[in-house]
N, C-alpha and C. Protein backbone atom coordinates (compact mmCIF):
# COMPACT_ATOMS: atom_id res chain seq x y z
N MET A 1 -50.58 -26.49 -0.53
CA MET A 1 -49.29 -27.01 -0.94
C MET A 1 -48.93 -26.51 -2.33
N LYS A 2 -49.94 -26.50 -3.21
CA LYS A 2 -49.72 -26.05 -4.57
C LYS A 2 -49.27 -24.58 -4.56
N PHE A 3 -49.92 -23.75 -3.71
CA PHE A 3 -49.56 -22.34 -3.62
C PHE A 3 -48.14 -22.16 -3.07
N LEU A 4 -47.78 -23.03 -2.14
CA LEU A 4 -46.43 -22.98 -1.57
C LEU A 4 -45.39 -23.26 -2.64
N LEU A 5 -45.63 -24.27 -3.45
CA LEU A 5 -44.70 -24.62 -4.54
C LEU A 5 -44.60 -23.50 -5.56
N VAL A 6 -45.73 -22.90 -5.91
CA VAL A 6 -45.72 -21.79 -6.87
C VAL A 6 -44.95 -20.60 -6.27
N GLY A 7 -45.20 -20.33 -5.00
CA GLY A 7 -44.50 -19.24 -4.33
C GLY A 7 -43.00 -19.47 -4.27
N LEU A 8 -42.61 -20.69 -3.92
CA LEU A 8 -41.18 -21.02 -3.86
C LEU A 8 -40.55 -20.95 -5.24
N SER A 9 -41.28 -21.39 -6.25
CA SER A 9 -40.77 -21.32 -7.62
C SER A 9 -40.57 -19.88 -8.04
N ALA A 10 -41.52 -19.01 -7.69
CA ALA A 10 -41.41 -17.59 -8.03
C ALA A 10 -40.20 -16.97 -7.32
N LEU A 11 -40.00 -17.31 -6.05
CA LEU A 11 -38.83 -16.81 -5.32
C LEU A 11 -37.54 -17.29 -5.95
N ALA A 12 -37.53 -18.55 -6.34
CA ALA A 12 -36.34 -19.11 -6.99
C ALA A 12 -36.04 -18.38 -8.29
N LEU A 13 -37.08 -18.08 -9.04
CA LEU A 13 -36.91 -17.37 -10.31
C LEU A 13 -36.37 -15.96 -10.07
N VAL A 14 -36.92 -15.26 -9.07
CA VAL A 14 -36.44 -13.91 -8.74
C VAL A 14 -34.98 -13.97 -8.29
N ALA A 15 -34.68 -14.95 -7.44
CA ALA A 15 -33.30 -15.09 -6.97
C ALA A 15 -32.36 -15.38 -8.14
N ALA A 16 -32.77 -16.26 -9.02
CA ALA A 16 -31.93 -16.59 -10.17
C ALA A 16 -31.75 -15.38 -11.07
N THR A 17 -32.81 -14.64 -11.28
CA THR A 17 -32.73 -13.44 -12.10
C THR A 17 -31.82 -12.40 -11.43
N GLY A 18 -31.96 -12.25 -10.13
CA GLY A 18 -31.11 -11.31 -9.40
C GLY A 18 -29.64 -11.67 -9.52
N ILE A 19 -29.34 -12.95 -9.40
CA ILE A 19 -27.96 -13.40 -9.54
C ILE A 19 -27.49 -13.13 -10.95
N SER A 20 -28.33 -13.42 -11.91
CA SER A 20 -27.98 -13.20 -13.30
C SER A 20 -27.71 -11.73 -13.57
N LEU A 21 -28.55 -10.84 -13.02
CA LEU A 21 -28.33 -9.42 -13.20
C LEU A 21 -27.05 -8.96 -12.53
N THR A 22 -26.80 -9.50 -11.33
CA THR A 22 -25.57 -9.14 -10.62
C THR A 22 -24.35 -9.58 -11.42
N ILE A 23 -24.36 -10.78 -11.92
CA ILE A 23 -23.24 -11.26 -12.71
C ILE A 23 -23.09 -10.39 -13.95
N GLY A 24 -24.21 -10.03 -14.58
CA GLY A 24 -24.16 -9.16 -15.75
C GLY A 24 -23.56 -7.80 -15.42
N ASN A 25 -23.93 -7.22 -14.28
CA ASN A 25 -23.39 -5.92 -13.88
C ASN A 25 -21.90 -6.00 -13.61
N VAL A 26 -21.46 -7.06 -12.96
CA VAL A 26 -20.03 -7.24 -12.69
C VAL A 26 -19.28 -7.33 -14.01
N ALA A 27 -19.82 -8.08 -14.96
CA ALA A 27 -19.17 -8.20 -16.25
C ALA A 27 -19.10 -6.84 -16.94
N ALA A 28 -20.20 -6.09 -16.87
CA ALA A 28 -20.21 -4.76 -17.50
C ALA A 28 -19.21 -3.83 -16.82
N GLN A 29 -19.13 -3.88 -15.49
CA GLN A 29 -18.20 -3.03 -14.78
C GLN A 29 -16.75 -3.40 -15.07
N SER A 30 -16.46 -4.67 -15.23
CA SER A 30 -15.08 -5.08 -15.44
C SER A 30 -14.55 -4.64 -16.79
N THR A 31 -15.42 -4.26 -17.72
CA THR A 31 -14.93 -3.75 -19.00
C THR A 31 -14.60 -2.26 -18.92
N ARG A 32 -14.92 -1.63 -17.77
CA ARG A 32 -14.64 -0.21 -17.58
C ARG A 32 -13.91 0.02 -16.26
N PRO A 33 -12.83 -0.69 -15.99
CA PRO A 33 -12.20 -0.58 -14.67
C PRO A 33 -11.56 0.78 -14.39
N TYR A 34 -11.30 1.57 -15.42
CA TYR A 34 -10.64 2.86 -15.21
C TYR A 34 -11.59 4.03 -15.40
N ALA A 35 -12.88 3.74 -15.57
CA ALA A 35 -13.85 4.82 -15.77
C ALA A 35 -13.77 5.80 -14.61
N GLY A 36 -13.67 7.06 -14.92
CA GLY A 36 -13.57 8.12 -13.92
C GLY A 36 -12.14 8.53 -13.62
N LEU A 37 -11.19 7.66 -13.86
CA LEU A 37 -9.79 7.99 -13.56
C LEU A 37 -9.22 9.00 -14.55
N GLN A 38 -9.86 9.15 -15.69
CA GLN A 38 -9.36 10.08 -16.70
C GLN A 38 -9.42 11.54 -16.23
N THR A 39 -10.12 11.80 -15.15
CA THR A 39 -10.20 13.17 -14.63
C THR A 39 -9.11 13.48 -13.60
N ARG A 40 -8.32 12.48 -13.25
CA ARG A 40 -7.23 12.73 -12.29
C ARG A 40 -6.22 13.70 -12.88
N PRO A 41 -5.64 14.56 -12.05
CA PRO A 41 -4.58 15.45 -12.55
C PRO A 41 -3.38 14.66 -13.07
N ILE A 42 -3.00 13.62 -12.36
CA ILE A 42 -1.94 12.71 -12.80
C ILE A 42 -2.59 11.34 -12.87
N LYS A 43 -2.79 10.85 -14.07
CA LYS A 43 -3.62 9.65 -14.27
C LYS A 43 -3.11 8.42 -13.50
N ALA A 44 -1.82 8.28 -13.36
CA ALA A 44 -1.24 7.09 -12.73
C ALA A 44 -1.23 7.14 -11.21
N LEU A 45 -1.58 8.28 -10.63
CA LEU A 45 -1.54 8.43 -9.17
C LEU A 45 -2.88 8.91 -8.64
N SER A 46 -3.38 8.23 -7.62
CA SER A 46 -4.61 8.67 -6.96
C SER A 46 -4.27 9.84 -6.03
N ALA A 47 -5.29 10.53 -5.59
CA ALA A 47 -5.10 11.62 -4.62
C ALA A 47 -4.46 11.09 -3.35
N GLU A 48 -4.86 9.89 -2.94
CA GLU A 48 -4.28 9.28 -1.73
C GLU A 48 -2.79 8.97 -1.94
N GLN A 49 -2.43 8.46 -3.10
CA GLN A 49 -1.03 8.16 -3.37
C GLN A 49 -0.20 9.44 -3.37
N ILE A 50 -0.74 10.49 -3.97
CA ILE A 50 -0.02 11.77 -3.98
C ILE A 50 0.17 12.28 -2.56
N ALA A 51 -0.88 12.21 -1.75
CA ALA A 51 -0.77 12.65 -0.35
C ALA A 51 0.24 11.81 0.41
N ASP A 52 0.24 10.50 0.18
CA ASP A 52 1.20 9.62 0.85
C ASP A 52 2.63 9.95 0.45
N LEU A 53 2.86 10.18 -0.83
CA LEU A 53 4.21 10.54 -1.30
C LEU A 53 4.67 11.86 -0.70
N LYS A 54 3.76 12.83 -0.63
CA LYS A 54 4.11 14.14 -0.07
C LYS A 54 4.38 14.07 1.43
N ALA A 55 3.75 13.11 2.12
CA ALA A 55 3.92 12.98 3.57
C ALA A 55 5.02 11.98 3.94
N GLY A 56 5.57 11.29 2.96
CA GLY A 56 6.64 10.34 3.24
C GLY A 56 6.15 9.00 3.76
N ARG A 57 4.87 8.69 3.55
CA ARG A 57 4.34 7.40 4.01
C ARG A 57 4.83 6.29 3.09
N GLY A 58 4.90 5.09 3.63
CA GLY A 58 5.53 3.97 2.95
C GLY A 58 4.79 3.36 1.79
N MET A 59 3.47 3.45 1.76
CA MET A 59 2.67 2.92 0.65
C MET A 59 2.99 1.46 0.33
N SER A 60 3.29 0.69 1.36
CA SER A 60 3.61 -0.74 1.22
C SER A 60 4.91 -1.00 0.48
N LEU A 61 5.75 -0.01 0.35
CA LEU A 61 7.03 -0.20 -0.34
C LEU A 61 8.00 -1.07 0.46
N ALA A 62 7.80 -1.16 1.76
CA ALA A 62 8.73 -1.90 2.61
C ALA A 62 8.13 -3.20 3.13
N LEU A 63 7.16 -3.76 2.41
CA LEU A 63 6.56 -5.01 2.88
C LEU A 63 7.56 -6.14 3.00
N ALA A 64 8.57 -6.16 2.15
CA ALA A 64 9.59 -7.22 2.25
C ALA A 64 10.23 -7.19 3.63
N ALA A 65 10.43 -6.02 4.18
CA ALA A 65 10.99 -5.89 5.52
C ALA A 65 9.91 -6.11 6.58
N GLU A 66 8.84 -5.35 6.46
CA GLU A 66 7.78 -5.37 7.46
C GLU A 66 7.26 -6.78 7.75
N LEU A 67 7.02 -7.55 6.71
CA LEU A 67 6.43 -8.87 6.90
C LEU A 67 7.46 -9.95 7.21
N ASN A 68 8.72 -9.57 7.25
CA ASN A 68 9.78 -10.50 7.64
C ASN A 68 10.48 -10.03 8.91
N ARG A 69 9.71 -9.36 9.76
CA ARG A 69 10.14 -8.97 11.10
C ARG A 69 11.21 -7.88 11.16
N TYR A 70 11.09 -6.93 10.27
CA TYR A 70 11.92 -5.73 10.31
C TYR A 70 10.97 -4.53 10.38
N PRO A 71 10.58 -4.15 11.57
CA PRO A 71 9.58 -3.09 11.72
C PRO A 71 10.08 -1.72 11.29
N GLY A 72 9.15 -0.91 10.85
CA GLY A 72 9.49 0.45 10.46
C GLY A 72 9.31 1.42 11.61
N PRO A 73 9.96 2.56 11.51
CA PRO A 73 9.93 3.51 12.63
C PRO A 73 8.54 4.07 12.92
N ARG A 74 7.74 4.31 11.91
CA ARG A 74 6.40 4.89 12.14
C ARG A 74 5.57 3.99 13.04
N HIS A 75 5.52 2.70 12.69
CA HIS A 75 4.68 1.77 13.46
C HIS A 75 5.28 1.47 14.84
N VAL A 76 6.58 1.47 14.93
CA VAL A 76 7.21 1.26 16.24
C VAL A 76 6.84 2.42 17.17
N LEU A 77 6.87 3.62 16.65
CA LEU A 77 6.48 4.78 17.47
C LEU A 77 5.01 4.68 17.87
N GLU A 78 4.16 4.28 16.95
CA GLU A 78 2.74 4.13 17.25
C GLU A 78 2.49 3.10 18.35
N LEU A 79 3.30 2.05 18.36
CA LEU A 79 3.14 0.95 19.31
C LEU A 79 4.13 1.04 20.47
N GLY A 80 4.79 2.16 20.60
CA GLY A 80 5.87 2.32 21.58
C GLY A 80 5.53 1.89 22.99
N GLU A 81 4.37 2.29 23.47
CA GLU A 81 3.99 1.92 24.84
C GLU A 81 3.80 0.42 24.97
N GLN A 82 3.11 -0.18 24.02
CA GLN A 82 2.86 -1.63 24.06
C GLN A 82 4.15 -2.43 23.87
N LEU A 83 5.13 -1.84 23.20
CA LEU A 83 6.41 -2.51 23.01
C LEU A 83 7.34 -2.31 24.20
N GLY A 84 6.97 -1.38 25.08
CA GLY A 84 7.82 -1.10 26.23
C GLY A 84 9.12 -0.41 25.82
N LEU A 85 9.02 0.51 24.87
CA LEU A 85 10.23 1.23 24.46
C LEU A 85 10.80 2.02 25.63
N THR A 86 12.10 1.99 25.74
CA THR A 86 12.76 2.83 26.72
C THR A 86 12.77 4.27 26.19
N ASP A 87 13.07 5.20 27.06
CA ASP A 87 13.15 6.60 26.61
C ASP A 87 14.20 6.74 25.52
N ARG A 88 15.32 6.06 25.69
CA ARG A 88 16.41 6.12 24.70
C ARG A 88 15.95 5.54 23.36
N GLN A 89 15.25 4.40 23.40
CA GLN A 89 14.76 3.80 22.16
C GLN A 89 13.77 4.74 21.47
N ARG A 90 12.90 5.33 22.26
CA ARG A 90 11.90 6.24 21.68
C ARG A 90 12.58 7.42 20.97
N VAL A 91 13.59 7.98 21.61
CA VAL A 91 14.34 9.10 21.01
C VAL A 91 15.04 8.63 19.74
N ASP A 92 15.67 7.47 19.78
CA ASP A 92 16.40 6.95 18.61
C ASP A 92 15.46 6.61 17.46
N VAL A 93 14.32 6.00 17.76
CA VAL A 93 13.37 5.66 16.70
C VAL A 93 12.75 6.93 16.13
N GLN A 94 12.47 7.91 16.97
CA GLN A 94 11.94 9.19 16.48
C GLN A 94 12.95 9.85 15.56
N ARG A 95 14.23 9.78 15.93
CA ARG A 95 15.29 10.36 15.09
C ARG A 95 15.31 9.67 13.72
N LEU A 96 15.20 8.34 13.72
CA LEU A 96 15.17 7.60 12.46
C LEU A 96 13.94 8.00 11.63
N PHE A 97 12.81 8.10 12.30
CA PHE A 97 11.59 8.48 11.59
C PHE A 97 11.75 9.86 10.95
N ASP A 98 12.28 10.80 11.70
CA ASP A 98 12.48 12.15 11.18
C ASP A 98 13.46 12.17 10.01
N GLN A 99 14.55 11.39 10.13
CA GLN A 99 15.53 11.30 9.04
C GLN A 99 14.89 10.68 7.80
N MET A 100 14.12 9.60 8.02
CA MET A 100 13.47 8.92 6.90
C MET A 100 12.54 9.90 6.19
N THR A 101 11.72 10.59 6.94
CA THR A 101 10.76 11.54 6.35
C THR A 101 11.50 12.61 5.56
N ALA A 102 12.57 13.13 6.13
CA ALA A 102 13.35 14.16 5.44
C ALA A 102 13.95 13.63 4.14
N GLU A 103 14.30 12.36 4.10
CA GLU A 103 14.86 11.77 2.88
C GLU A 103 13.80 11.42 1.85
N VAL A 104 12.70 10.83 2.29
CA VAL A 104 11.74 10.29 1.32
C VAL A 104 10.76 11.31 0.77
N VAL A 105 10.47 12.38 1.50
CA VAL A 105 9.53 13.38 0.99
C VAL A 105 10.04 14.01 -0.32
N PRO A 106 11.28 14.44 -0.38
CA PRO A 106 11.76 15.00 -1.66
C PRO A 106 11.75 13.96 -2.80
N ILE A 107 12.01 12.73 -2.46
CA ILE A 107 11.97 11.68 -3.49
C ILE A 107 10.52 11.48 -3.96
N GLY A 108 9.60 11.50 -3.03
CA GLY A 108 8.19 11.40 -3.38
C GLY A 108 7.75 12.55 -4.26
N GLU A 109 8.18 13.76 -3.93
CA GLU A 109 7.86 14.94 -4.75
C GLU A 109 8.44 14.78 -6.16
N LYS A 110 9.65 14.25 -6.22
CA LYS A 110 10.28 14.02 -7.53
C LYS A 110 9.48 13.01 -8.34
N LEU A 111 9.03 11.96 -7.70
CA LEU A 111 8.23 10.94 -8.39
C LEU A 111 6.91 11.54 -8.90
N ILE A 112 6.27 12.35 -8.09
CA ILE A 112 5.03 13.01 -8.52
C ILE A 112 5.31 13.86 -9.76
N SER A 113 6.38 14.60 -9.74
CA SER A 113 6.75 15.45 -10.87
C SER A 113 7.02 14.62 -12.13
N GLN A 114 7.72 13.52 -11.96
CA GLN A 114 8.03 12.65 -13.10
C GLN A 114 6.77 12.02 -13.68
N GLU A 115 5.87 11.58 -12.81
CA GLU A 115 4.61 11.00 -13.28
C GLU A 115 3.77 12.07 -13.98
N ALA A 116 3.80 13.30 -13.48
CA ALA A 116 3.07 14.39 -14.12
C ALA A 116 3.64 14.65 -15.51
N GLU A 117 4.95 14.60 -15.65
CA GLU A 117 5.57 14.80 -16.96
C GLU A 117 5.17 13.70 -17.93
N LEU A 118 5.18 12.46 -17.48
CA LEU A 118 4.76 11.35 -18.34
C LEU A 118 3.30 11.56 -18.77
N ASP A 119 2.46 11.96 -17.86
CA ASP A 119 1.06 12.22 -18.17
C ASP A 119 0.94 13.34 -19.20
N ARG A 120 1.71 14.42 -19.02
CA ARG A 120 1.67 15.55 -19.96
C ARG A 120 2.09 15.12 -21.37
N LEU A 121 3.12 14.29 -21.47
CA LEU A 121 3.58 13.83 -22.79
C LEU A 121 2.46 13.10 -23.53
N PHE A 122 1.76 12.23 -22.80
CA PHE A 122 0.66 11.51 -23.43
C PHE A 122 -0.51 12.44 -23.71
N ALA A 123 -0.84 13.32 -22.78
CA ALA A 123 -1.98 14.22 -22.95
C ALA A 123 -1.79 15.15 -24.16
N ARG A 124 -0.57 15.59 -24.38
CA ARG A 124 -0.28 16.48 -25.52
C ARG A 124 -0.06 15.71 -26.81
N GLY A 125 0.06 14.38 -26.69
CA GLY A 125 0.28 13.57 -27.89
C GLY A 125 1.67 13.74 -28.47
N VAL A 126 2.64 14.06 -27.62
CA VAL A 126 4.00 14.29 -28.11
C VAL A 126 4.99 13.23 -27.63
N VAL A 127 4.50 12.16 -27.05
CA VAL A 127 5.39 11.13 -26.55
C VAL A 127 6.02 10.38 -27.73
N THR A 128 7.31 10.08 -27.59
CA THR A 128 8.03 9.30 -28.59
C THR A 128 8.61 8.08 -27.91
N SER A 129 9.07 7.14 -28.69
CA SER A 129 9.68 5.94 -28.10
C SER A 129 10.89 6.29 -27.25
N SER A 130 11.75 7.15 -27.76
CA SER A 130 12.95 7.50 -26.99
C SER A 130 12.57 8.33 -25.76
N GLY A 131 11.61 9.22 -25.90
CA GLY A 131 11.15 10.00 -24.75
C GLY A 131 10.52 9.11 -23.70
N LEU A 132 9.75 8.14 -24.16
CA LEU A 132 9.12 7.19 -23.24
C LEU A 132 10.18 6.40 -22.49
N ASP A 133 11.19 5.94 -23.20
CA ASP A 133 12.28 5.20 -22.56
C ASP A 133 12.94 6.04 -21.47
N SER A 134 13.21 7.29 -21.80
CA SER A 134 13.90 8.18 -20.88
C SER A 134 13.07 8.47 -19.63
N VAL A 135 11.81 8.84 -19.84
CA VAL A 135 10.94 9.21 -18.71
C VAL A 135 10.66 8.01 -17.82
N THR A 136 10.34 6.86 -18.40
CA THR A 136 10.03 5.70 -17.57
C THR A 136 11.27 5.16 -16.87
N ALA A 137 12.43 5.27 -17.48
CA ALA A 137 13.67 4.85 -16.81
C ALA A 137 13.93 5.74 -15.59
N ALA A 138 13.70 7.03 -15.74
CA ALA A 138 13.89 7.96 -14.62
C ALA A 138 12.89 7.66 -13.51
N ILE A 139 11.64 7.38 -13.87
CA ILE A 139 10.63 7.02 -12.87
C ILE A 139 11.05 5.75 -12.14
N GLY A 140 11.55 4.77 -12.87
CA GLY A 140 12.01 3.52 -12.25
C GLY A 140 13.13 3.74 -11.25
N VAL A 141 14.07 4.59 -11.60
CA VAL A 141 15.18 4.92 -10.68
C VAL A 141 14.63 5.59 -9.42
N THR A 142 13.72 6.51 -9.58
CA THR A 142 13.14 7.21 -8.43
C THR A 142 12.34 6.26 -7.55
N GLN A 143 11.55 5.39 -8.17
CA GLN A 143 10.79 4.41 -7.39
C GLN A 143 11.73 3.49 -6.61
N ALA A 144 12.81 3.07 -7.24
CA ALA A 144 13.77 2.19 -6.56
C ALA A 144 14.44 2.91 -5.39
N GLU A 145 14.78 4.18 -5.59
CA GLU A 145 15.40 4.96 -4.52
C GLU A 145 14.44 5.13 -3.34
N LEU A 146 13.19 5.40 -3.64
CA LEU A 146 12.17 5.57 -2.60
C LEU A 146 11.99 4.28 -1.81
N ARG A 147 11.91 3.17 -2.50
CA ARG A 147 11.73 1.88 -1.84
C ARG A 147 12.96 1.54 -0.99
N LYS A 148 14.13 1.74 -1.55
CA LYS A 148 15.37 1.45 -0.81
C LYS A 148 15.43 2.25 0.48
N ASP A 149 15.08 3.51 0.42
CA ASP A 149 15.13 4.34 1.63
C ASP A 149 14.14 3.86 2.68
N HIS A 150 12.94 3.51 2.28
CA HIS A 150 11.98 2.98 3.26
C HIS A 150 12.50 1.68 3.86
N LEU A 151 13.02 0.79 3.05
CA LEU A 151 13.56 -0.48 3.54
C LEU A 151 14.75 -0.26 4.47
N LYS A 152 15.59 0.69 4.12
CA LYS A 152 16.78 1.00 4.92
C LYS A 152 16.38 1.38 6.35
N TYR A 153 15.33 2.14 6.50
CA TYR A 153 14.91 2.56 7.83
C TYR A 153 14.24 1.44 8.62
N HIS A 154 13.66 0.49 7.94
CA HIS A 154 13.16 -0.70 8.64
C HIS A 154 14.35 -1.47 9.21
N LEU A 155 15.39 -1.59 8.42
CA LEU A 155 16.60 -2.29 8.86
C LEU A 155 17.21 -1.59 10.07
N MET A 156 17.33 -0.29 10.01
CA MET A 156 17.93 0.45 11.12
C MET A 156 17.05 0.41 12.37
N THR A 157 15.75 0.44 12.19
CA THR A 157 14.84 0.39 13.34
C THR A 157 14.95 -0.94 14.05
N SER A 158 15.03 -2.02 13.30
CA SER A 158 15.11 -3.34 13.94
C SER A 158 16.38 -3.48 14.78
N ASP A 159 17.44 -2.77 14.41
CA ASP A 159 18.68 -2.81 15.19
C ASP A 159 18.51 -2.19 16.57
N LEU A 160 17.47 -1.36 16.75
CA LEU A 160 17.26 -0.67 18.02
C LEU A 160 16.38 -1.45 19.00
N LEU A 161 15.75 -2.52 18.52
CA LEU A 161 14.80 -3.26 19.35
C LEU A 161 15.40 -4.56 19.88
N THR A 162 14.88 -5.00 20.99
CA THR A 162 15.29 -6.29 21.55
C THR A 162 14.53 -7.41 20.82
N PRO A 163 15.02 -8.64 20.91
CA PRO A 163 14.26 -9.76 20.31
C PRO A 163 12.83 -9.86 20.86
N ALA A 164 12.65 -9.61 22.14
CA ALA A 164 11.31 -9.66 22.73
C ALA A 164 10.41 -8.57 22.15
N GLN A 165 10.96 -7.38 21.93
CA GLN A 165 10.18 -6.30 21.33
C GLN A 165 9.83 -6.62 19.87
N MET A 166 10.75 -7.24 19.18
CA MET A 166 10.50 -7.63 17.79
C MET A 166 9.36 -8.66 17.75
N GLN A 167 9.41 -9.60 18.68
CA GLN A 167 8.36 -10.63 18.76
C GLN A 167 7.01 -9.98 19.07
N ARG A 168 7.01 -9.07 20.03
CA ARG A 168 5.77 -8.39 20.42
C ARG A 168 5.23 -7.55 19.27
N TYR A 169 6.11 -6.89 18.56
CA TYR A 169 5.71 -6.09 17.40
C TYR A 169 4.98 -6.98 16.38
N ALA A 170 5.56 -8.12 16.07
CA ALA A 170 4.94 -9.04 15.11
C ALA A 170 3.57 -9.51 15.60
N GLN A 171 3.44 -9.72 16.89
CA GLN A 171 2.14 -10.11 17.45
C GLN A 171 1.13 -8.97 17.33
N LEU A 172 1.55 -7.77 17.73
CA LEU A 172 0.66 -6.62 17.69
C LEU A 172 0.20 -6.29 16.28
N ARG A 173 1.05 -6.51 15.32
CA ARG A 173 0.71 -6.22 13.93
C ARG A 173 -0.05 -7.37 13.27
N GLY A 174 -0.19 -8.50 13.99
CA GLY A 174 -0.97 -9.61 13.47
C GLY A 174 -0.20 -10.55 12.56
N TYR A 175 1.13 -10.50 12.62
CA TYR A 175 1.94 -11.35 11.75
C TYR A 175 2.19 -12.73 12.34
N ILE A 176 2.09 -12.82 13.67
CA ILE A 176 2.20 -14.12 14.33
C ILE A 176 1.08 -14.24 15.35
N ASP A 177 0.74 -15.45 15.68
CA ASP A 177 -0.34 -15.72 16.62
C ASP A 177 0.02 -15.19 18.00
N GLU A 178 -0.91 -14.49 18.62
CA GLU A 178 -0.70 -13.90 19.96
C GLU A 178 -0.28 -14.92 21.00
N ASN A 179 -0.90 -16.09 20.98
CA ASN A 179 -0.68 -17.07 22.04
C ASN A 179 0.46 -18.04 21.75
N SER A 180 0.52 -18.54 20.54
CA SER A 180 1.50 -19.58 20.27
C SER A 180 2.82 -19.03 19.74
N GLY A 181 2.79 -17.81 19.21
CA GLY A 181 4.01 -17.26 18.64
C GLY A 181 4.30 -17.78 17.25
N THR A 182 3.36 -18.54 16.66
CA THR A 182 3.59 -19.07 15.32
C THR A 182 3.13 -18.07 14.28
N GLN A 183 3.85 -18.06 13.18
CA GLN A 183 3.54 -17.13 12.12
C GLN A 183 2.25 -17.52 11.41
N HIS A 184 1.42 -16.50 11.11
CA HIS A 184 0.20 -16.74 10.36
C HIS A 184 0.56 -17.08 8.91
N THR A 185 -0.11 -18.06 8.37
CA THR A 185 0.09 -18.39 6.95
C THR A 185 -1.25 -18.27 6.26
N PRO A 186 -1.23 -17.79 5.02
CA PRO A 186 -2.48 -17.62 4.31
C PRO A 186 -3.12 -18.96 3.96
N ASN A 187 -4.44 -18.98 3.94
CA ASN A 187 -5.18 -20.17 3.53
C ASN A 187 -5.28 -20.19 2.01
N HIS A 188 -5.00 -21.34 1.43
CA HIS A 188 -5.09 -21.44 -0.03
C HIS A 188 -6.21 -22.34 -0.40
């Protein structure tokens, strides 16, 4: 019994030490959250974000629409069979998707260029208050235009679907319960 207690005490001490080390490592890591990002070509954009902007992907810019039952063309096309899209709907949604991509890719390229310019100003140490105002204002306008265009196509896509298809879309995407049709709410 004595050996069992000593053994359990030793395990408890190791466990406590392990937790303590883990907490210490988390604290140490949280003081360096951007370590490694300084090597990015454009510090404010990851490689994935740049690829998404170049491909016209939404990057969650249209969540206000998506999560309020205004589906986007990309996901409607992906779920077309399960939604029971008619041939006409499929053609119309594809047309919207193609138009959206044609509109948002150049805007994404513009945003990449603007972010690269902001990065260059800081990297060269030549940024000024007025220059900063100008560059960030332009970036803000471009970001707003990109978001508006993605949202616009969610709005247009929803006009092409029936209420039953909209309901099914929300179920397939996990926004409402499959069986009851009630919207999922986060647990707090």
